[in-house]
Amino acid sequence: MDQPQEKKQILIVDDDASVATALKRLLCAQGYAVATANSCDAALTILRRQRFDLYIVDIRLTDGGGCELLGSMQSVRSAPAIAISSDAEPHHIARAIAAGFVDYLAKPVHPERLRQRVQARLSA
C-alpha cells in the first residue's frame, strides 16, 4: 500500500498581510502546507522551529531587506527561495538572483505563474 505523500512546506515572508494571505490561500488550494511571517524576526523564529521546502520572500520588508534575510535563513536551514517584489527593475532582479534567490516574481503575482514557479522549484 502506498504511503500518503507529505505536503511540501512553504514559508511566505511578506509584511503586507493581504499579499501573504492571498499567496497562502492560492498555495494551500494547490495542496501545500503554508506558514507566513510578517517580518525578518518572525521568519527566523519560525524557521528555527520548522523545516521548509521553499521560501517565498518579499525583497522589501519593514524590518530589513529580503536579500539579507535570505542569507540568514539559509544559514539556519537551506531551501530554494523565490523573491517577490513590486519592483521589477532588471538591476533589482539581478541583485536578488546574486543573493541566492532561484526565481523572481513581480507583484501583483499572477496565480498561474506562482503555481508554475513553485511547482518547478519543488520538483527540481
PDB file of N, CA and C in Angstrom:
ATOM      1  N   MET A   1       0.846  -1.184   0.000  1.00  0.00           N
ATOM      2  CA  MET A   1       0.000   0.000   0.000  1.00  0.00           C
ATOM      3  C   MET A   1       0.885   1.240   0.000  1.00  0.00           C
ATOM      4  N   ASP A   2       0.540   2.203  -0.832  1.00  0.00           N
ATOM      5  CA  ASP A   2       1.315   3.432  -0.927  1.00  0.00           C
ATOM      6  C   ASP A   2       1.139   4.277   0.328  1.00  0.00           C
ATOM      7  N   GLN A   3       2.261   4.893   0.762  1.00  0.00           N
ATOM      8  CA  GLN A   3       2.219   5.814   1.884  1.00  0.00           C
ATOM      9  C   GLN A   3       1.694   7.165   1.383  1.00  0.00           C
ATOM     10  N   PRO A   4       0.881   7.840   2.190  1.00  0.00           N
ATOM     11  CA  PRO A   4       0.453   9.170   1.763  1.00  0.00           C
ATOM     12  C   PRO A   4       1.654  10.101   1.653  1.00  0.00           C
ATOM     13  N   GLN A   5       1.663  10.913   0.598  1.00  0.00           N
ATOM     14  CA  GLN A   5       2.771  11.827   0.382  1.00  0.00           C
ATOM     15  C   GLN A   5       2.631  13.034   1.311  1.00  0.00           C
ATOM     16  N   GLU A   6       3.744  13.379   1.976  1.00  0.00           N
ATOM     17  CA  GLU A   6       3.730  14.550   2.854  1.00  0.00           C
ATOM     18  C   GLU A   6       3.575  15.807   2.035  1.00  0.00           C
ATOM     19  N   LYS A   7       2.836  16.764   2.591  1.00  0.00           N
ATOM     20  CA  LYS A   7       2.676  18.048   1.926  1.00  0.00           C
ATOM     21  C   LYS A   7       4.002  18.791   1.965  1.00  0.00           C
ATOM     22  N   LYS A   8       4.329  19.424   0.860  1.00  0.00           N
ATOM     23  CA  LYS A   8       5.514  20.280   0.824  1.00  0.00           C
ATOM     24  C   LYS A   8       5.239  21.520   1.670  1.00  0.00           C
ATOM     25  N   GLN A   9       6.245  21.948   2.422  1.00  0.00           N
ATOM     26  CA  GLN A   9       6.139  23.073   3.346  1.00  0.00           C
ATOM     27  C   GLN A   9       6.722  24.338   2.711  1.00  0.00           C
ATOM     28  N   ILE A  10       5.947  25.416   2.736  1.00  0.00           N
ATOM     29  CA  ILE A  10       6.374  26.688   2.159  1.00  0.00           C
ATOM     30  C   ILE A  10       6.263  27.778   3.222  1.00  0.00           C
ATOM     31  N   LEU A  11       7.288  28.616   3.305  1.00  0.00           N
ATOM     32  CA  LEU A  11       7.263  29.781   4.192  1.00  0.00           C
ATOM     33  C   LEU A  11       7.197  31.039   3.337  1.00  0.00           C
ATOM     34  N   ILE A  12       6.153  31.845   3.553  1.00  0.00           N
ATOM     35  CA  ILE A  12       5.992  33.132   2.872  1.00  0.00           C
ATOM     36  C   ILE A  12       6.370  34.225   3.857  1.00  0.00           C
ATOM     37  N   VAL A  13       7.259  35.121   3.438  1.00  0.00           N
ATOM     38  CA  VAL A  13       7.655  36.256   4.270  1.00  0.00           C
ATOM     39  C   VAL A  13       7.266  37.531   3.531  1.00  0.00           C
ATOM     40  N   ASP A  14       6.259  38.222   4.046  1.00  0.00           N
ATOM     41  CA  ASP A  14       5.794  39.474   3.445  1.00  0.00           C
ATOM     42  C   ASP A  14       5.146  40.309   4.531  1.00  0.00           C
ATOM     43  N   ASP A  15       5.516  41.584   4.614  1.00  0.00           N
ATOM     44  CA  ASP A  15       4.955  42.449   5.659  1.00  0.00           C
ATOM     45  C   ASP A  15       3.584  43.003   5.280  1.00  0.00           C
ATOM     46  N   ASP A  16       3.111  42.713   4.094  1.00  0.00           N
ATOM     47  CA  ASP A  16       1.764  43.095   3.672  1.00  0.00           C
ATOM     48  C   ASP A  16       0.854  41.890   3.907  1.00  0.00           C
ATOM     49  N   ALA A  17       0.026  41.972   4.943  1.00  0.00           N
ATOM     50  CA  ALA A  17      -0.823  40.837   5.328  1.00  0.00           C
ATOM     51  C   ALA A  17      -1.752  40.394   4.206  1.00  0.00           C
ATOM     52  N   SER A  18      -2.255  41.325   3.413  1.00  0.00           N
ATOM     53  CA  SER A  18      -3.172  40.946   2.328  1.00  0.00           C
ATOM     54  C   SER A  18      -2.451  40.124   1.258  1.00  0.00           C
ATOM     55  N   VAL A  19      -1.203  40.470   0.968  1.00  0.00           N
ATOM     56  CA  VAL A  19      -0.425  39.703  -0.008  1.00  0.00           C
ATOM     57  C   VAL A  19      -0.120  38.316   0.544  1.00  0.00           C
ATOM     58  N   ALA A  20       0.353  38.255   1.790  1.00  0.00           N
ATOM     59  CA  ALA A  20       0.680  36.966   2.400  1.00  0.00           C
ATOM     60  C   ALA A  20      -0.543  36.055   2.454  1.00  0.00           C
ATOM     61  N   THR A  21      -1.693  36.615   2.808  1.00  0.00           N
ATOM     62  CA  THR A  21      -2.924  35.826   2.892  1.00  0.00           C
ATOM     63  C   THR A  21      -3.343  35.319   1.516  1.00  0.00           C
ATOM     64  N   ALA A  22      -3.262  36.167   0.509  1.00  0.00           N
ATOM     65  CA  ALA A  22      -3.644  35.757  -0.848  1.00  0.00           C
ATOM     66  C   ALA A  22      -2.724  34.650  -1.369  1.00  0.00           C
ATOM     67  N   LEU A  23      -1.421  34.811  -1.169  1.00  0.00           N
ATOM     68  CA  LEU A  23      -0.481  33.780  -1.610  1.00  0.00           C
ATOM     69  C   LEU A  23      -0.708  32.478  -0.864  1.00  0.00           C
ATOM     70  N   LYS A  24      -0.933  32.580   0.437  1.00  0.00           N
ATOM     71  CA  LYS A  24      -1.186  31.382   1.242  1.00  0.00           C
ATOM     72  C   LYS A  24      -2.430  30.659   0.754  1.00  0.00           C
ATOM     73  N   ARG A  25      -3.477  31.391   0.501  1.00  0.00           N
ATOM     74  CA  ARG A  25      -4.728  30.789   0.030  1.00  0.00           C
ATOM     75  C   ARG A  25      -4.504  30.051  -1.299  1.00  0.00           C
ATOM     76  N   LEU A  26      -3.801  30.698  -2.227  1.00  0.00           N
ATOM     77  CA  LEU A  26      -3.520  30.077  -3.526  1.00  0.00           C
ATOM     78  C   LEU A  26      -2.717  28.786  -3.375  1.00  0.00           C
ATOM     79  N   LEU A  27      -1.687  28.839  -2.542  1.00  0.00           N
ATOM     80  CA  LEU A  27      -0.817  27.672  -2.394  1.00  0.00           C
ATOM     81  C   LEU A  27      -1.477  26.546  -1.595  1.00  0.00           C
ATOM     82  N   CYS A  28      -2.262  26.895  -0.589  1.00  0.00           N
ATOM     83  CA  CYS A  28      -2.991  25.866   0.164  1.00  0.00           C
ATOM     84  C   CYS A  28      -3.978  25.143  -0.752  1.00  0.00           C
ATOM     85  N   ALA A  29      -4.604  25.881  -1.658  1.00  0.00           N
ATOM     86  CA  ALA A  29      -5.542  25.270  -2.608  1.00  0.00           C
ATOM     87  C   ALA A  29      -4.828  24.298  -3.551  1.00  0.00           C
ATOM     88  N   GLN A  30      -3.514  24.471  -3.712  1.00  0.00           N
ATOM     89  CA  GLN A  30      -2.724  23.562  -4.544  1.00  0.00           C
ATOM     90  C   GLN A  30      -2.191  22.370  -3.738  1.00  0.00           C
ATOM     91  N   GLY A  31      -2.515  22.314  -2.453  1.00  0.00           N
ATOM     92  CA  GLY A  31      -2.121  21.174  -1.631  1.00  0.00           C
ATOM     93  C   GLY A  31      -0.853  21.357  -0.829  1.00  0.00           C
ATOM     94  N   TYR A  32      -0.340  22.579  -0.761  1.00  0.00           N
ATOM     95  CA  TYR A  32       0.869  22.834   0.019  1.00  0.00           C
ATOM     96  C   TYR A  32       0.512  23.248   1.443  1.00  0.00           C
ATOM     97  N   ALA A  33       1.404  22.977   2.371  1.00  0.00           N
ATOM     98  CA  ALA A  33       1.280  23.466   3.741  1.00  0.00           C
ATOM     99  C   ALA A  33       2.057  24.773   3.796  1.00  0.00           C
ATOM    100  N   VAL A  34       1.401  25.841   4.219  1.00  0.00           N
ATOM    101  CA  VAL A  34       1.990  27.172   4.131  1.00  0.00           C
ATOM    102  C   VAL A  34       1.970  27.872   5.483  1.00  0.00           C
ATOM    103  N   ALA A  35       3.120  28.445   5.847  1.00  0.00           N
ATOM    104  CA  ALA A  35       3.224  29.311   7.022  1.00  0.00           C
ATOM    105  C   ALA A  35       3.595  30.696   6.526  1.00  0.00           C
ATOM    106  N   THR A  36       3.218  31.710   7.294  1.00  0.00           N
ATOM    107  CA  THR A  36       3.549  33.082   6.914  1.00  0.00           C
ATOM    108  C   THR A  36       4.266  33.783   8.060  1.00  0.00           C
ATOM    109  N   ALA A  37       5.102  34.737   7.669  1.00  0.00           N
ATOM    110  CA  ALA A  37       5.779  35.606   8.631  1.00  0.00           C
ATOM    111  C   ALA A  37       5.702  37.017   8.080  1.00  0.00           C
ATOM    112  N   ASN A  38       5.525  38.003   8.987  1.00  0.00           N
ATOM    113  CA  ASN A  38       5.379  39.384   8.528  1.00  0.00           C
ATOM    114  C   ASN A  38       6.617  40.243   8.766  1.00  0.00           C
ATOM    115  N   SER A  39       7.718  39.610   9.176  1.00  0.00           N
ATOM    116  CA  SER A  39       8.956  40.354   9.421  1.00  0.00           C
ATOM    117  C   SER A  39      10.149  39.406   9.352  1.00  0.00           C
ATOM    118  N   CYS A  40      11.332  39.994   9.301  1.00  0.00           N
ATOM    119  CA  CYS A  40      12.564  39.197   9.314  1.00  0.00           C
ATOM    120  C   CYS A  40      12.659  38.389  10.602  1.00  0.00           C
ATOM    121  N   ASP A  41      12.412  39.048  11.728  1.00  0.00           N
ATOM    122  CA  ASP A  41      12.499  38.360  13.021  1.00  0.00           C
ATOM    123  C   ASP A  41      11.518  37.202  13.109  1.00  0.00           C
ATOM    124  N   ALA A  42      10.291  37.425  12.673  1.00  0.00           N
ATOM    125  CA  ALA A  42       9.282  36.365  12.724  1.00  0.00           C
ATOM    126  C   ALA A  42       9.672  35.200  11.825  1.00  0.00           C
ATOM    127  N   ALA A  43      10.229  35.494  10.656  1.00  0.00           N
ATOM    128  CA  ALA A  43      10.651  34.431   9.745  1.00  0.00           C
ATOM    129  C   ALA A  43      11.734  33.562  10.366  1.00  0.00           C
ATOM    130  N   LEU A  44      12.721  34.187  10.981  1.00  0.00           N
ATOM    131  CA  LEU A  44      13.808  33.422  11.595  1.00  0.00           C
ATOM    132  C   LEU A  44      13.319  32.619  12.794  1.00  0.00           C
ATOM    133  N   THR A  45      12.375  33.157  13.542  1.00  0.00           N
ATOM    134  CA  THR A  45      11.806  32.419  14.675  1.00  0.00           C
ATOM    135  C   THR A  45      11.077  31.166  14.189  1.00  0.00           C
ATOM    136  N   ILE A  46      10.253  31.315  13.186  1.00  0.00           N
ATOM    137  CA  ILE A  46       9.517  30.168  12.625  1.00  0.00           C
ATOM    138  C   ILE A  46      10.492  29.154  12.049  1.00  0.00           C
ATOM    139  N   LEU A  47      11.497  29.640  11.362  1.00  0.00           N
ATOM    140  CA  LEU A  47      12.458  28.769  10.695  1.00  0.00           C
ATOM    141  C   LEU A  47      13.259  27.923  11.680  1.00  0.00           C
ATOM    142  N   ARG A  48      13.471  28.417  12.865  1.00  0.00           N
ATOM    143  CA  ARG A  48      14.212  27.642  13.877  1.00  0.00           C
ATOM    144  C   ARG A  48      13.377  26.487  14.431  1.00  0.00           C
ATOM    145  N   ARG A  49      12.055  26.567  14.256  1.00  0.00           N
ATOM    146  CA  ARG A  49      11.160  25.526  14.775  1.00  0.00           C
ATOM    147  C   ARG A  49      10.698  24.537  13.722  1.00  0.00           C
ATOM    148  N   GLN A  50      10.768  24.907  12.457  1.00  0.00           N
ATOM    149  CA  GLN A  50      10.149  24.097  11.416  1.00  0.00           C
ATOM    150  C   GLN A  50      11.015  24.082  10.167  1.00  0.00           C
ATOM    151  N   ARG A  51      10.957  22.970   9.455  1.00  0.00           N
ATOM    152  CA  ARG A  51      11.690  22.819   8.192  1.00  0.00           C
ATOM    153  C   ARG A  51      10.751  23.156   7.037  1.00  0.00           C
ATOM    154  N   PHE A  52      11.287  23.859   6.037  1.00  0.00           N
ATOM    155  CA  PHE A  52      10.505  24.221   4.860  1.00  0.00           C
ATOM    156  C   PHE A  52      11.204  23.738   3.604  1.00  0.00           C
ATOM    157  N   ASP A  53      10.400  23.473   2.581  1.00  0.00           N
ATOM    158  CA  ASP A  53      10.924  23.027   1.294  1.00  0.00           C
ATOM    159  C   ASP A  53      11.159  24.191   0.338  1.00  0.00           C
ATOM    160  N   LEU A  54      10.530  25.344   0.622  1.00  0.00           N
ATOM    161  CA  LEU A  54      10.633  26.504  -0.250  1.00  0.00           C
ATOM    162  C   LEU A  54      10.328  27.761   0.547  1.00  0.00           C
ATOM    163  N   TYR A  55      11.058  28.833   0.233  1.00  0.00           N
ATOM    164  CA  TYR A  55      10.779  30.151   0.811  1.00  0.00           C
ATOM    165  C   TYR A  55      10.291  31.081  -0.295  1.00  0.00           C
ATOM    166  N   ILE A  56       9.316  31.914   0.031  1.00  0.00           N
ATOM    167  CA  ILE A  56       8.878  32.995  -0.850  1.00  0.00           C
ATOM    168  C   ILE A  56       9.035  34.271  -0.026  1.00  0.00           C
ATOM    169  N   VAL A  57       9.936  35.152  -0.454  1.00  0.00           N
ATOM    170  CA  VAL A  57      10.340  36.282   0.382  1.00  0.00           C
ATOM    171  C   VAL A  57      10.201  37.600  -0.374  1.00  0.00           C
ATOM    172  N   ASP A  58       9.497  38.549   0.250  1.00  0.00           N
ATOM    173  CA  ASP A  58       9.420  39.902  -0.280  1.00  0.00           C
ATOM    174  C   ASP A  58      10.787  40.547  -0.139  1.00  0.00           C
ATOM    175  N   ILE A  59      11.210  41.264  -1.161  1.00  0.00           N
ATOM    176  CA  ILE A  59      12.523  41.905  -1.146  1.00  0.00           C
ATOM    177  C   ILE A  59      12.577  43.089  -0.189  1.00  0.00           C
ATOM    178  N   ARG A  60      11.460  43.791  -0.055  1.00  0.00           N
ATOM    179  CA  ARG A  60      11.425  44.972   0.816  1.00  0.00           C
ATOM    180  C   ARG A  60      10.506  44.708   2.008  1.00  0.00           C
ATOM    181  N   LEU A  61      11.116  44.508   3.156  1.00  0.00           N
ATOM    182  CA  LEU A  61      10.374  44.268   4.387  1.00  0.00           C
ATOM    183  C   LEU A  61      10.554  45.446   5.329  1.00  0.00           C
ATOM    184  N   THR A  62       9.614  45.640   6.204  1.00  0.00           N
ATOM    185  CA  THR A  62       9.657  46.770   7.121  1.00  0.00           C
ATOM    186  C   THR A  62      10.916  46.757   7.984  1.00  0.00           C
ATOM    187  N   ASP A  63      11.343  45.574   8.426  1.00  0.00           N
ATOM    188  CA  ASP A  63      12.477  45.494   9.348  1.00  0.00           C
ATOM    189  C   ASP A  63      13.776  45.014   8.704  1.00  0.00           C
ATOM    190  N   GLY A  64      13.847  45.047   7.368  1.00  0.00           N
ATOM    191  CA  GLY A  64      15.084  44.644   6.710  1.00  0.00           C
ATOM    192  C   GLY A  64      14.863  44.284   5.255  1.00  0.00           C
ATOM    193  N   GLY A  65      15.942  43.937   4.596  1.00  0.00           N
ATOM    194  CA  GLY A  65      15.864  43.564   3.190  1.00  0.00           C
ATOM    195  C   GLY A  65      15.755  42.067   3.007  1.00  0.00           C
ATOM    196  N   GLY A  66      15.002  41.676   2.008  1.00  0.00           N
ATOM    197  CA  GLY A  66      14.809  40.259   1.726  1.00  0.00           C
ATOM    198  C   GLY A  66      16.083  39.552   1.322  1.00  0.00           C
ATOM    199  N   CYS A  67      16.977  40.256   0.624  1.00  0.00           N
ATOM    200  CA  CYS A  67      18.241  39.629   0.219  1.00  0.00           C
ATOM    201  C   CYS A  67      19.101  39.297   1.438  1.00  0.00           C
ATOM    202  N   GLU A  68      19.160  40.224   2.378  1.00  0.00           N
ATOM    203  CA  GLU A  68      19.916  39.976   3.605  1.00  0.00           C
ATOM    204  C   GLU A  68      19.247  38.891   4.445  1.00  0.00           C
ATOM    205  N   LEU A  69      17.922  38.931   4.504  1.00  0.00           N
ATOM    206  CA  LEU A  69      17.176  37.903   5.253  1.00  0.00           C
ATOM    207  C   LEU A  69      17.447  36.525   4.690  1.00  0.00           C
ATOM    208  N   LEU A  70      17.483  36.409   3.372  1.00  0.00           N
ATOM    209  CA  LEU A  70      17.712  35.092   2.768  1.00  0.00           C
ATOM    210  C   LEU A  70      19.028  34.493   3.241  1.00  0.00           C
ATOM    211  N   GLY A  71      20.075  35.302   3.336  1.00  0.00           N
ATOM    212  CA  GLY A  71      21.350  34.787   3.843  1.00  0.00           C
ATOM    213  C   GLY A  71      21.218  34.218   5.240  1.00  0.00           C
ATOM    214  N   SER A  72      20.481  34.911   6.103  1.00  0.00           N
ATOM    215  CA  SER A  72      20.256  34.422   7.474  1.00  0.00           C
ATOM    216  C   SER A  72      19.406  33.159   7.469  1.00  0.00           C
ATOM    217  N   MET A  73      18.398  33.138   6.623  1.00  0.00           N
ATOM    218  CA  MET A  73      17.530  31.963   6.546  1.00  0.00           C
ATOM    219  C   MET A  73      18.313  30.742   6.070  1.00  0.00           C
ATOM    220  N   GLN A  74      19.145  30.926   5.048  1.00  0.00           N
ATOM    221  CA  GLN A  74      19.906  29.806   4.500  1.00  0.00           C
ATOM    222  C   GLN A  74      20.926  29.289   5.507  1.00  0.00           C
ATOM    223  N   SER A  75      21.404  30.151   6.408  1.00  0.00           N
ATOM    224  CA  SER A  75      22.353  29.681   7.419  1.00  0.00           C
ATOM    225  C   SER A  75      21.654  28.856   8.495  1.00  0.00           C
ATOM    226  N   VAL A  76      20.345  29.059   8.666  1.00  0.00           N
ATOM    227  CA  VAL A  76      19.568  28.248   9.618  1.00  0.00           C
ATOM    228  C   VAL A  76      19.144  26.948   8.955  1.00  0.00           C
ATOM    229  N   ARG A  77      18.491  27.045   7.784  1.00  0.00           N
ATOM    230  CA  ARG A  77      18.034  25.877   7.023  1.00  0.00           C
ATOM    231  C   ARG A  77      18.008  26.244   5.543  1.00  0.00           C
ATOM    232  N   SER A  78      18.723  25.493   4.751  1.00  0.00           N
ATOM    233  CA  SER A  78      18.814  25.779   3.326  1.00  0.00           C
ATOM    234  C   SER A  78      17.593  25.259   2.573  1.00  0.00           C
ATOM    235  N   ALA A  79      17.059  26.087   1.682  1.00  0.00           N
ATOM    236  CA  ALA A  79      15.947  25.717   0.809  1.00  0.00           C
ATOM    237  C   ALA A  79      15.937  26.687  -0.354  1.00  0.00           C
ATOM    238  N   PRO A  80      15.396  26.282  -1.503  1.00  0.00           N
ATOM    239  CA  PRO A  80      15.283  27.235  -2.606  1.00  0.00           C
ATOM    240  C   PRO A  80      14.347  28.372  -2.221  1.00  0.00           C
ATOM    241  N   ALA A  81      14.579  29.545  -2.801  1.00  0.00           N
ATOM    242  CA  ALA A  81      13.783  30.717  -2.448  1.00  0.00           C
ATOM    243  C   ALA A  81      13.389  31.499  -3.695  1.00  0.00           C
ATOM    244  N   ILE A  82      12.151  31.978  -3.681  1.00  0.00           N
ATOM    245  CA  ILE A  82      11.624  32.831  -4.741  1.00  0.00           C
ATOM    246  C   ILE A  82      11.448  34.227  -4.155  1.00  0.00           C
ATOM    247  N   ALA A  83      11.996  35.219  -4.835  1.00  0.00           N
ATOM    248  CA  ALA A  83      11.828  36.616  -4.422  1.00  0.00           C
ATOM    249  C   ALA A  83      10.543  37.157  -5.025  1.00  0.00           C
ATOM    250  N   ILE A  84       9.851  38.000  -4.260  1.00  0.00           N
ATOM    251  CA  ILE A  84       8.706  38.730  -4.793  1.00  0.00           C
ATOM    252  C   ILE A  84       8.903  40.209  -4.471  1.00  0.00           C
ATOM    253  N   SER A  85       8.462  41.057  -5.389  1.00  0.00           N
ATOM    254  CA  SER A  85       8.621  42.490  -5.166  1.00  0.00           C
ATOM    255  C   SER A  85       7.761  43.262  -6.145  1.00  0.00           C
ATOM    256  N   SER A  86       7.359  44.446  -5.729  1.00  0.00           N
ATOM    257  CA  SER A  86       6.639  45.330  -6.635  1.00  0.00           C
ATOM    258  C   SER A  86       7.608  46.034  -7.574  1.00  0.00           C
ATOM    259  N   ASP A  87       8.889  45.865  -7.367  1.00  0.00           N
ATOM    260  CA  ASP A  87       9.918  46.489  -8.187  1.00  0.00           C
ATOM    261  C   ASP A  87      10.547  45.439  -9.098  1.00  0.00           C
ATOM    262  N   ALA A  88      10.238  45.516 -10.380  1.00  0.00           N
ATOM    263  CA  ALA A  88      10.750  44.528 -11.337  1.00  0.00           C
ATOM    264  C   ALA A  88      11.858  45.103 -12.221  1.00  0.00           C
ATOM    265  N   GLU A  89      12.577  46.085 -11.714  1.00  0.00           N
ATOM    266  CA  GLU A  89      13.700  46.645 -12.460  1.00  0.00           C
ATOM    267  C   GLU A  89      14.789  45.569 -12.617  1.00  0.00           C
ATOM    268  N   PRO A  90      15.415  45.492 -13.791  1.00  0.00           N
ATOM    269  CA  PRO A  90      16.423  44.450 -14.022  1.00  0.00           C
ATOM    270  C   PRO A  90      17.534  44.400 -12.980  1.00  0.00           C
ATOM    271  N   HIS A  91      17.999  45.557 -12.488  1.00  0.00           N
ATOM    272  CA  HIS A  91      19.098  45.525 -11.509  1.00  0.00           C
ATOM    273  C   HIS A  91      18.624  44.964 -10.158  1.00  0.00           C
ATOM    274  N   HIS A  92      17.348  45.123  -9.816  1.00  0.00           N
ATOM    275  CA  HIS A  92      16.824  44.528  -8.588  1.00  0.00           C
ATOM    276  C   HIS A  92      16.708  43.011  -8.736  1.00  0.00           C
ATOM    277  N   ILE A  93      16.275  42.581  -9.897  1.00  0.00           N
ATOM    278  CA  ILE A  93      16.184  41.140 -10.168  1.00  0.00           C
ATOM    279  C   ILE A  93      17.577  40.517 -10.107  1.00  0.00           C
ATOM    280  N   ALA A  94      18.545  41.164 -10.744  1.00  0.00           N
ATOM    281  CA  ALA A  94      19.919  40.653 -10.740  1.00  0.00           C
ATOM    282  C   ALA A  94      20.479  40.578  -9.325  1.00  0.00           C
ATOM    283  N   ARG A  95      20.190  41.579  -8.507  1.00  0.00           N
ATOM    284  CA  ARG A  95      20.667  41.583  -7.114  1.00  0.00           C
ATOM    285  C   ARG A  95      20.049  40.422  -6.334  1.00  0.00           C
ATOM    286  N   ALA A  96      18.762  40.169  -6.554  1.00  0.00           N
ATOM    287  CA  ALA A  96      18.094  39.065  -5.849  1.00  0.00           C
ATOM    288  C   ALA A  96      18.678  37.716  -6.262  1.00  0.00           C
ATOM    289  N   ILE A  97      18.908  37.533  -7.537  1.00  0.00           N
ATOM    290  CA  ILE A  97      19.482  36.272  -8.020  1.00  0.00           C
ATOM    291  C   ILE A  97      20.903  36.108  -7.473  1.00  0.00           C
ATOM    292  N   ALA A  98      21.671  37.200  -7.459  1.00  0.00           N
ATOM    293  CA  ALA A  98      23.028  37.147  -6.906  1.00  0.00           C
ATOM    294  C   ALA A  98      23.016  36.814  -5.417  1.00  0.00           C
ATOM    295  N   ALA A  99      21.958  37.219  -4.702  1.00  0.00           N
ATOM    296  CA  ALA A  99      21.847  36.949  -3.263  1.00  0.00           C
ATOM    297  C   ALA A  99      21.461  35.497  -2.980  1.00  0.00           C
ATOM    298  N   GLY A 100      21.044  34.768  -4.008  1.00  0.00           N
ATOM    299  CA  GLY A 100      20.722  33.359  -3.804  1.00  0.00           C
ATOM    300  C   GLY A 100      19.301  32.952  -4.134  1.00  0.00           C
ATOM    301  N   PHE A 101      18.470  33.901  -4.529  1.00  0.00           N
ATOM    302  CA  PHE A 101      17.111  33.536  -4.940  1.00  0.00           C
ATOM    303  C   PHE A 101      17.183  32.778  -6.262  1.00  0.00           C
ATOM    304  N   VAL A 102      16.327  31.766  -6.423  1.00  0.00           N
ATOM    305  CA  VAL A 102      16.319  30.973  -7.647  1.00  0.00           C
ATOM    306  C   VAL A 102      15.328  31.512  -8.666  1.00  0.00           C
ATOM    307  N   ASP A 103      14.477  32.436  -8.229  1.00  0.00           N
ATOM    308  CA  ASP A 103      13.468  32.987  -9.123  1.00  0.00           C
ATOM    309  C   ASP A 103      12.989  34.325  -8.570  1.00  0.00           C
ATOM    310  N   TYR A 104      12.264  35.080  -9.396  1.00  0.00           N
ATOM    311  CA  TYR A 104      11.805  36.412  -9.025  1.00  0.00           C
ATOM    312  C   TYR A 104      10.441  36.628  -9.656  1.00  0.00           C
ATOM    313  N   LEU A 105       9.465  36.985  -8.844  1.00  0.00           N
ATOM    314  CA  LEU A 105       8.123  37.279  -9.331  1.00  0.00           C
ATOM    315  C   LEU A 105       7.756  38.710  -8.978  1.00  0.00           C
ATOM    316  N   ALA A 106       7.232  39.438  -9.944  1.00  0.00           N
ATOM    317  CA  ALA A 106       6.805  40.808  -9.713  1.00  0.00           C
ATOM    318  C   ALA A 106       5.379  40.816  -9.149  1.00  0.00           C
ATOM    319  N   LYS A 107       5.153  41.741  -8.206  1.00  0.00           N
ATOM    320  CA  LYS A 107       3.803  41.939  -7.675  1.00  0.00           C
ATOM    321  C   LYS A 107       3.053  42.873  -8.615  1.00  0.00           C
ATOM    322  N   PRO A 108       1.787  42.706  -8.801  1.00  0.00           N
ATOM    323  CA  PRO A 108       0.980  41.643  -8.211  1.00  0.00           C
ATOM    324  C   PRO A 108       1.315  40.297  -8.866  1.00  0.00           C
ATOM    325  N   VAL A 109       1.401  39.279  -8.037  1.00  0.00           N
ATOM    326  CA  VAL A 109       1.794  37.948  -8.500  1.00  0.00           C
ATOM    327  C   VAL A 109       0.601  37.291  -9.194  1.00  0.00           C
ATOM    328  N   HIS A 110       0.827  36.872 -10.422  1.00  0.00           N
ATOM    329  CA  HIS A 110      -0.206  36.181 -11.194  1.00  0.00           C
ATOM    330  C   HIS A 110      -0.337  34.744 -10.650  1.00  0.00           C
ATOM    331  N   PRO A 111      -1.549  34.312 -10.302  1.00  0.00           N
ATOM    332  CA  PRO A 111      -1.730  32.985  -9.684  1.00  0.00           C
ATOM    333  C   PRO A 111      -1.159  31.820 -10.480  1.00  0.00           C
ATOM    334  N   GLU A 112      -1.345  31.811 -11.778  1.00  0.00           N
ATOM    335  CA  GLU A 112      -0.839  30.696 -12.579  1.00  0.00           C
ATOM    336  C   GLU A 112       0.686  30.711 -12.647  1.00  0.00           C
ATOM    337  N   ARG A 113       1.261  31.891 -12.740  1.00  0.00           N
ATOM    338  CA  ARG A 113       2.722  31.992 -12.752  1.00  0.00           C
ATOM    339  C   ARG A 113       3.293  31.515 -11.417  1.00  0.00           C
ATOM    340  N   LEU A 114       2.648  31.890 -10.315  1.00  0.00           N
ATOM    341  CA  LEU A 114       3.080  31.431  -8.989  1.00  0.00           C
ATOM    342  C   LEU A 114       3.020  29.908  -8.917  1.00  0.00           C
ATOM    343  N   ARG A 115       1.913  29.340  -9.338  1.00  0.00           N
ATOM    344  CA  ARG A 115       1.752  27.884  -9.301  1.00  0.00           C
ATOM    345  C   ARG A 115       2.848  27.191 -10.097  1.00  0.00           C
ATOM    346  N   GLN A 116       3.118  27.682 -11.301  1.00  0.00           N
ATOM    347  CA  GLN A 116       4.131  27.072 -12.141  1.00  0.00           C
ATOM    348  C   GLN A 116       5.528  27.170 -11.537  1.00  0.00           C
ATOM    349  N   ARG A 117       5.866  28.341 -11.022  1.00  0.00           N
ATOM    350  CA  ARG A 117       7.206  28.537 -10.462  1.00  0.00           C
ATOM    351  C   ARG A 117       7.419  27.710  -9.194  1.00  0.00           C
ATOM    352  N   VAL A 118       6.402  27.669  -8.338  1.00  0.00           N
ATOM    353  CA  VAL A 118       6.500  26.865  -7.108  1.00  0.00           C
ATOM    354  C   VAL A 118       6.635  25.390  -7.459  1.00  0.00           C
ATOM    355  N   GLN A 119       5.804  24.925  -8.364  1.00  0.00           N
ATOM    356  CA  GLN A 119       5.863  23.519  -8.774  1.00  0.00           C
ATOM    357  C   GLN A 119       7.226  23.176  -9.360  1.00  0.00           C
ATOM    358  N   ALA A 120       7.746  24.054 -10.203  1.00  0.00           N
ATOM    359  CA  ALA A 120       9.058  23.811 -10.811  1.00  0.00           C
ATOM    360  C   ALA A 120      10.155  23.734  -9.765  1.00  0.00           C
ATOM    361  N   ARG A 121      10.133  24.633  -8.794  1.00  0.00           N
ATOM    362  CA  ARG A 121      11.175  24.657  -7.768  1.00  0.00           C
ATOM    363  C   ARG A 121      11.083  23.466  -6.824  1.00  0.00           C
ATOM    364  N   LEU A 122       9.883  23.009  -6.540  1.00  0.00           N
ATOM    365  CA  LEU A 122       9.714  21.901  -5.602  1.00  0.00           C
ATOM    366  C   LEU A 122       9.940  20.538  -6.266  1.00  0.00           C
ATOM    367  N   SER A 123       9.885  20.508  -7.587  1.00  0.00           N
ATOM    368  CA  SER A 123      10.117  19.235  -8.276  1.00  0.00           C
ATOM    369  C   SER A 123      11.545  19.126  -8.795  1.00  0.00           C
ATOM    370  N   ALA A 124      12.325  20.177  -8.618  1.00  0.00           N
ATOM    371  CA  ALA A 124      13.721  20.175  -9.117  1.00  0.00           C
ATOM    372  C   ALA A 124      14.608  19.334  -8.230  1.00  0.00           C
TER     373      ALA A 124
END
